[in-house]
């Protein structure tokens, strides 16, 4: 099962953002320099820094993730009950509640394996038999 920090890291990477990109977008109080913000984000992704509601709000302004999924992961880590955790792609962090969306077709991803979505691990389309004309 993913940790809350790993989930946030996967969603950041799926958004095409580096830690430095996110550090440049977020504002902290007290104000931290960019190097300190990079270290703070790294600590969050390594599950060392706490995820308060303000921190979650700040990160949500920088990249897309499901707050519901994040809360499920926090609860599972805190209380040990993983039964409520939704299925999550281990490559990009998407889920049924927050799927990948193809920018061209606007189609949502599905599941290609037990822990990988079709956007990350495409499935081979079965060959359609040729239609014979009578």
Foldseek 3Di string as FASTA:
>chain_A
DDALLCLLVLQCVLVVHDLLQLLVQFADVVGDDSVVSSVVNVCSSVVNDDDDVVNVVRSCVRTDDDPVLSVLNVCCVVPVDNPPHFAAASRRGAGPVGFDADPPPRDGWDCPDSRHTCVGPPDDDDDDDDDDDD
